[in-house]
Amino acid sequence: MDIRTEQLIKYFGETQVLKGLDVSLRDKEFVGIIGPNGSGKSTFLKCLYRVLQPSAGNVFFDGRQLDEFSFRETALRLAVVAQHNFYSFDFNVLDVVLMGRSPHKKMLERDNATDYALAREALATVGLAGFEERSFTTLSGGEQQRVILARALTQQTETLVLDEPTNHLDIKFQLEIMDIVK
């Protein structure tokens, strides 16, 4: 999927965080965004995956303005591994990973054997086979981050947006995660 922004601007109160950002990302590109803390990297990504509304400017997916897509359509095209992941409820690991299948479901449609197979395969990919029944809240930060990556993989989108995907991971898993993402 091609992603393009035109003059993307974001204010928080009086503070302008994004200042007319023009970006063009082509399908199948592996792109890293670097910069100091507080420079707007996460804000930019949140505008792409619709957690934040830009103050001005436009975001395009494959030439269509982002606002033309429903949230479901966006979730079918783009999966996210956010920097911070908090759940107020005590879900087990398999349930968190299966959340990645929700964009593929009709209202009230239950998970099926294919969904469970995809979720278990993704957990094995991130090195967490056998963690299915563990409570997400009891996992270490690094284990939680790997579960969230498994959820994104289970979503089966053409694009992954990763905001500090190696956050909380030791060096071994940092390298593994980058290999998985590639």
C-alpha atoms as a PDB file:
ATOM      1  CA  MET A   1       0.000   0.000   0.000  1.00  0.00           C
ATOM      2  CA  ASP A   2       1.276   3.451  -0.867  1.00  0.00           C
ATOM      3  CA  ILE A   3       0.950   6.033   1.909  1.00  0.00           C
ATOM      4  CA  ARG A   4       1.315   9.753   1.316  1.00  0.00           C
ATOM      5  CA  THR A   5       0.863  12.821   3.459  1.00  0.00           C
ATOM      6  CA  GLU A   6       0.512  16.411   2.292  1.00  0.00           C
ATOM      7  CA  GLN A   7       1.259  19.303   4.610  1.00  0.00           C
ATOM      8  CA  LEU A   8       0.361  17.260   7.706  1.00  0.00           C
ATOM      9  CA  ILE A   9       0.042  19.545  10.726  1.00  0.00           C
ATOM     10  CA  LYS A  10      -0.814  18.633  14.308  1.00  0.00           C
ATOM     11  CA  TYR A  11      -1.257  20.960  17.256  1.00  0.00           C
ATOM     12  CA  PHE A  12      -1.648  20.065  20.901  1.00  0.00           C
ATOM     13  CA  GLY A  13      -3.067  23.246  22.330  1.00  0.00           C
ATOM     14  CA  GLU A  14      -0.715  26.029  21.270  1.00  0.00           C
ATOM     15  CA  THR A  15       2.168  23.654  20.505  1.00  0.00           C
ATOM     16  CA  GLN A  16       2.661  22.649  16.888  1.00  0.00           C
ATOM     17  CA  VAL A  17       4.146  19.133  16.825  1.00  0.00           C
ATOM     18  CA  LEU A  18       3.887  18.345  13.093  1.00  0.00           C
ATOM     19  CA  LYS A  19       4.779  21.235  10.836  1.00  0.00           C
ATOM     20  CA  GLY A  20       3.648  20.612   7.261  1.00  0.00           C
ATOM     21  CA  LEU A  21       4.965  17.069   6.899  1.00  0.00           C
ATOM     22  CA  ASP A  22       5.120  15.698   3.333  1.00  0.00           C
ATOM     23  CA  VAL A  23       5.897  11.975   3.202  1.00  0.00           C
ATOM     24  CA  SER A  24       5.629   9.402   0.431  1.00  0.00           C
ATOM     25  CA  LEU A  25       5.974   5.712   1.288  1.00  0.00           C
ATOM     26  CA  ARG A  26       5.749   3.098  -1.438  1.00  0.00           C
ATOM     27  CA  ASP A  27       4.268  -0.370  -1.219  1.00  0.00           C
ATOM     28  CA  LYS A  28       6.668  -2.966   0.258  1.00  0.00           C
ATOM     29  CA  GLU A  29       9.128  -0.355   1.557  1.00  0.00           C
ATOM     30  CA  PHE A  30      10.716  -0.865   4.954  1.00  0.00           C
ATOM     31  CA  VAL A  31      10.992   2.621   6.429  1.00  0.00           C
ATOM     32  CA  GLY A  32      12.333   3.791   9.772  1.00  0.00           C
ATOM     33  CA  ILE A  33      11.572   7.141  11.332  1.00  0.00           C
ATOM     34  CA  ILE A  34      14.282   8.459  13.612  1.00  0.00           C
ATOM     35  CA  GLY A  35      14.495  11.510  15.799  1.00  0.00           C
ATOM     36  CA  PRO A  36      14.818  12.597  19.400  1.00  0.00           C
ATOM     37  CA  ASN A  37      12.147  12.001  22.023  1.00  0.00           C
ATOM     38  CA  GLY A  38       9.257  14.421  21.629  1.00  0.00           C
ATOM     39  CA  SER A  39       9.987  15.205  17.975  1.00  0.00           C
ATOM     40  CA  GLY A  40       6.596  13.966  16.696  1.00  0.00           C
ATOM     41  CA  LYS A  41       7.378  10.428  15.471  1.00  0.00           C
ATOM     42  CA  SER A  42       4.537   8.776  17.386  1.00  0.00           C
ATOM     43  CA  THR A  43       2.199  11.688  16.659  1.00  0.00           C
ATOM     44  CA  PHE A  44       2.825  11.214  12.934  1.00  0.00           C
ATOM     45  CA  LEU A  45       2.146   7.479  13.146  1.00  0.00           C
ATOM     46  CA  LYS A  46      -1.014   8.030  15.202  1.00  0.00           C
ATOM     47  CA  CYS A  47      -2.297  10.313  12.442  1.00  0.00           C
ATOM     48  CA  LEU A  48      -1.705   7.468   9.961  1.00  0.00           C
ATOM     49  CA  TYR A  49      -3.549   4.881  12.008  1.00  0.00           C
ATOM     50  CA  ARG A  50      -6.354   7.236  13.017  1.00  0.00           C
ATOM     51  CA  VAL A  51      -5.842   7.565  16.750  1.00  0.00           C
ATOM     52  CA  LEU A  52      -5.223  11.280  16.198  1.00  0.00           C
ATOM     53  CA  GLN A  53      -6.923  13.615  13.764  1.00  0.00           C
ATOM     54  CA  PRO A  54      -4.472  15.966  12.008  1.00  0.00           C
ATOM     55  CA  SER A  55      -5.072  19.657  12.626  1.00  0.00           C
ATOM     56  CA  ALA A  56      -4.541  20.252   8.898  1.00  0.00           C
ATOM     57  CA  GLY A  57      -3.236  18.455   5.851  1.00  0.00           C
ATOM     58  CA  ASN A  58      -4.123  15.128   4.288  1.00  0.00           C
ATOM     59  CA  VAL A  59      -3.255  11.434   4.531  1.00  0.00           C
ATOM     60  CA  PHE A  60      -3.715   9.204   1.483  1.00  0.00           C
ATOM     61  CA  PHE A  61      -3.740   5.406   1.170  1.00  0.00           C
ATOM     62  CA  ASP A  62      -3.268   4.282  -2.442  1.00  0.00           C
ATOM     63  CA  GLY A  63      -4.313   7.725  -3.654  1.00  0.00           C
ATOM     64  CA  ARG A  64      -7.550   7.828  -1.634  1.00  0.00           C
ATOM     65  CA  GLN A  65      -7.940  10.258   1.218  1.00  0.00           C
ATOM     66  CA  LEU A  66      -7.869   8.459   4.574  1.00  0.00           C
ATOM     67  CA  ASP A  67     -11.224   9.941   5.609  1.00  0.00           C
ATOM     68  CA  GLU A  68     -12.853   8.058   2.704  1.00  0.00           C
ATOM     69  CA  PHE A  69     -12.100   4.740   4.427  1.00  0.00           C
ATOM     70  CA  SER A  70     -14.194   3.328   7.234  1.00  0.00           C
ATOM     71  CA  PHE A  71     -12.278   2.337  10.352  1.00  0.00           C
ATOM     72  CA  ARG A  72     -12.837  -1.305   9.396  1.00  0.00           C
ATOM     73  CA  GLU A  73     -11.393  -0.725   5.908  1.00  0.00           C
ATOM     74  CA  THR A  74      -8.377   0.951   7.484  1.00  0.00           C
ATOM     75  CA  ALA A  75      -7.905  -2.020   9.841  1.00  0.00           C
ATOM     76  CA  LEU A  76      -8.036  -4.425   6.881  1.00  0.00           C
ATOM     77  CA  ARG A  77      -5.148  -2.537   5.266  1.00  0.00           C
ATOM     78  CA  LEU A  78      -2.993  -1.542   8.228  1.00  0.00           C
ATOM     79  CA  ALA A  79      -2.040  -3.285  11.477  1.00  0.00           C
ATOM     80  CA  VAL A  80      -0.403  -1.450  14.366  1.00  0.00           C
ATOM     81  CA  VAL A  81       2.086  -2.355  17.053  1.00  0.00           C
ATOM     82  CA  ALA A  82       1.811   0.669  19.314  1.00  0.00           C
ATOM     83  CA  GLN A  83       4.464   1.888  21.716  1.00  0.00           C
ATOM     84  CA  HIS A  84       2.210   1.352  24.751  1.00  0.00           C
ATOM     85  CA  ASN A  85      -0.515  -1.277  25.098  1.00  0.00           C
ATOM     86  CA  PHE A  86      -2.842  -1.230  28.083  1.00  0.00           C
ATOM     87  CA  TYR A  87      -5.847  -3.442  28.655  1.00  0.00           C
ATOM     88  CA  SER A  88      -8.324  -2.671  31.422  1.00  0.00           C
ATOM     89  CA  PHE A  89      -9.628  -6.236  31.343  1.00  0.00           C
ATOM     90  CA  ASP A  90      -7.797  -9.451  32.125  1.00  0.00           C
ATOM     91  CA  PHE A  91      -7.619 -11.126  28.704  1.00  0.00           C
ATOM     92  CA  ASN A  92      -5.607 -14.256  28.074  1.00  0.00           C
ATOM     93  CA  VAL A  93      -2.882 -14.151  25.431  1.00  0.00           C
ATOM     94  CA  LEU A  94      -4.867 -16.062  22.796  1.00  0.00           C
ATOM     95  CA  ASP A  95      -7.828 -13.672  23.151  1.00  0.00           C
ATOM     96  CA  VAL A  96      -5.545 -10.664  22.656  1.00  0.00           C
ATOM     97  CA  VAL A  97      -4.041 -12.202  19.525  1.00  0.00           C
ATOM     98  CA  LEU A  98      -7.475 -13.139  18.176  1.00  0.00           C
ATOM     99  CA  MET A  99      -8.450  -9.446  18.395  1.00  0.00           C
ATOM    100  CA  GLY A 100      -6.397  -9.091  15.225  1.00  0.00           C
ATOM    101  CA  ARG A 101      -9.080 -11.046  13.371  1.00  0.00           C
ATOM    102  CA  SER A 102     -11.909  -8.617  14.235  1.00  0.00           C
ATOM    103  CA  PRO A 103     -11.650  -6.518  11.031  1.00  0.00           C
ATOM    104  CA  HIS A 104     -12.303  -9.713   9.059  1.00  0.00           C
ATOM    105  CA  LYS A 105     -15.529 -10.463  10.981  1.00  0.00           C
ATOM    106  CA  LYS A 106     -19.135  -9.486  10.573  1.00  0.00           C
ATOM    107  CA  MET A 107     -20.924  -8.185  13.642  1.00  0.00           C
ATOM    108  CA  LEU A 108     -21.207 -10.934  16.296  1.00  0.00           C
ATOM    109  CA  GLU A 109     -19.371 -13.458  14.104  1.00  0.00           C
ATOM    110  CA  ARG A 110     -17.359 -15.850  16.240  1.00  0.00           C
ATOM    111  CA  ASP A 111     -13.759 -16.921  15.737  1.00  0.00           C
ATOM    112  CA  ASN A 112     -13.373 -20.110  13.716  1.00  0.00           C
ATOM    113  CA  ALA A 113     -10.732 -22.805  13.291  1.00  0.00           C
ATOM    114  CA  THR A 114      -8.823 -20.702  10.725  1.00  0.00           C
ATOM    115  CA  ASP A 115      -8.679 -17.751  13.138  1.00  0.00           C
ATOM    116  CA  TYR A 116      -7.330 -19.972  15.929  1.00  0.00           C
ATOM    117  CA  ALA A 117      -4.755 -21.526  13.595  1.00  0.00           C
ATOM    118  CA  LEU A 118      -3.550 -18.084  12.454  1.00  0.00           C
ATOM    119  CA  ALA A 119      -3.319 -16.871  16.059  1.00  0.00           C
ATOM    120  CA  ARG A 120      -1.353 -19.925  17.208  1.00  0.00           C
ATOM    121  CA  GLU A 121       0.971 -19.659  14.198  1.00  0.00           C
ATOM    122  CA  ALA A 122       1.631 -15.984  14.993  1.00  0.00           C
ATOM    123  CA  LEU A 123       2.365 -16.826  18.641  1.00  0.00           C
ATOM    124  CA  ALA A 124       4.844 -19.481  17.512  1.00  0.00           C
ATOM    125  CA  THR A 125       6.437 -16.954  15.132  1.00  0.00           C
ATOM    126  CA  VAL A 126       7.101 -14.527  18.004  1.00  0.00           C
ATOM    127  CA  GLY A 127       8.357 -17.312  20.295  1.00  0.00           C
ATOM    128  CA  LEU A 128       5.309 -17.523  22.569  1.00  0.00           C
ATOM    129  CA  ALA A 129       3.791 -20.894  21.661  1.00  0.00           C
ATOM    130  CA  GLY A 130       2.301 -22.347  24.827  1.00  0.00           C
ATOM    131  CA  PHE A 131       1.417 -18.926  26.287  1.00  0.00           C
ATOM    132  CA  GLU A 132      -2.179 -19.029  24.977  1.00  0.00           C
ATOM    133  CA  GLU A 133      -3.877 -19.317  28.376  1.00  0.00           C
ATOM    134  CA  ARG A 134      -1.555 -16.945  30.260  1.00  0.00           C
ATOM    135  CA  SER A 135      -3.053 -13.675  31.402  1.00  0.00           C
ATOM    136  CA  PHE A 136      -1.769 -10.772  29.296  1.00  0.00           C
ATOM    137  CA  THR A 137      -1.384  -8.607  32.398  1.00  0.00           C
ATOM    138  CA  THR A 138       1.013 -11.090  34.037  1.00  0.00           C
ATOM    139  CA  LEU A 139       3.492 -10.998  31.148  1.00  0.00           C
ATOM    140  CA  SER A 140       6.675  -8.967  31.118  1.00  0.00           C
ATOM    141  CA  GLY A 141       6.768  -5.827  28.969  1.00  0.00           C
ATOM    142  CA  GLY A 142       8.771  -7.647  26.315  1.00  0.00           C
ATOM    143  CA  GLU A 143       6.375 -10.595  26.252  1.00  0.00           C
ATOM    144  CA  GLN A 144       3.427  -8.215  25.951  1.00  0.00           C
ATOM    145  CA  GLN A 145       5.114  -6.475  23.022  1.00  0.00           C
ATOM    146  CA  ARG A 146       5.565  -9.835  21.284  1.00  0.00           C
ATOM    147  CA  VAL A 147       1.881 -10.681  21.868  1.00  0.00           C
ATOM    148  CA  ILE A 148       0.903  -7.372  20.253  1.00  0.00           C
ATOM    149  CA  LEU A 149       3.111  -8.182  17.256  1.00  0.00           C
ATOM    150  CA  ALA A 150       1.413 -11.597  17.028  1.00  0.00           C
ATOM    151  CA  ARG A 151      -1.960  -9.802  17.054  1.00  0.00           C
ATOM    152  CA  ALA A 152      -0.788  -7.569  14.183  1.00  0.00           C
ATOM    153  CA  LEU A 153       0.453 -10.581  12.203  1.00  0.00           C
ATOM    154  CA  THR A 154      -2.872 -12.342  12.775  1.00  0.00           C
ATOM    155  CA  GLN A 155      -4.640  -9.305  11.328  1.00  0.00           C
ATOM    156  CA  GLN A 156      -3.060 -10.202   7.946  1.00  0.00           C
ATOM    157  CA  THR A 157      -2.762  -6.704   6.499  1.00  0.00           C
ATOM    158  CA  GLU A 158      -0.573  -5.469   3.696  1.00  0.00           C
ATOM    159  CA  THR A 159       1.025  -2.827   5.943  1.00  0.00           C
ATOM    160  CA  LEU A 160       2.454  -2.909   9.468  1.00  0.00           C
ATOM    161  CA  VAL A 161       2.969   0.284  11.448  1.00  0.00           C
ATOM    162  CA  LEU A 162       5.362  -0.238  14.331  1.00  0.00           C
ATOM    163  CA  ASP A 163       5.924   2.432  16.962  1.00  0.00           C
ATOM    164  CA  GLU A 164       9.070   1.420  18.843  1.00  0.00           C
ATOM    165  CA  PRO A 165       8.428  -2.297  18.251  1.00  0.00           C
ATOM    166  CA  THR A 166      11.523  -3.329  20.185  1.00  0.00           C
ATOM    167  CA  ASN A 167      10.445  -1.396  23.284  1.00  0.00           C
ATOM    168  CA  HIS A 168      10.983  -3.579  26.413  1.00  0.00           C
ATOM    169  CA  LEU A 169      12.758  -6.309  24.428  1.00  0.00           C
ATOM    170  CA  ASP A 170      16.201  -7.679  25.143  1.00  0.00           C
ATOM    171  CA  ILE A 171      18.718  -7.596  22.278  1.00  0.00           C
ATOM    172  CA  LYS A 172      18.028 -11.196  21.186  1.00  0.00           C
ATOM    173  CA  PHE A 173      14.325 -10.520  20.681  1.00  0.00           C
ATOM    174  CA  GLN A 174      14.987  -7.080  19.163  1.00  0.00           C
ATOM    175  CA  LEU A 175      16.902  -8.782  16.358  1.00  0.00           C
ATOM    176  CA  GLU A 176      14.297 -11.556  16.023  1.00  0.00           C
ATOM    177  CA  ILE A 177      11.424  -9.076  15.851  1.00  0.00           C
ATOM    178  CA  MET A 178      13.110  -7.112  13.077  1.00  0.00           C
ATOM    179  CA  ASP A 179      13.629 -10.361  11.115  1.00  0.00           C
ATOM    180  CA  ILE A 180       9.957 -11.300  11.609  1.00  0.00           C
ATOM    181  CA  VAL A 181       8.808  -7.875  10.468  1.00  0.00           C
ATOM    182  CA  LYS A 182      10.928  -8.048   7.318  1.00  0.00           C
END
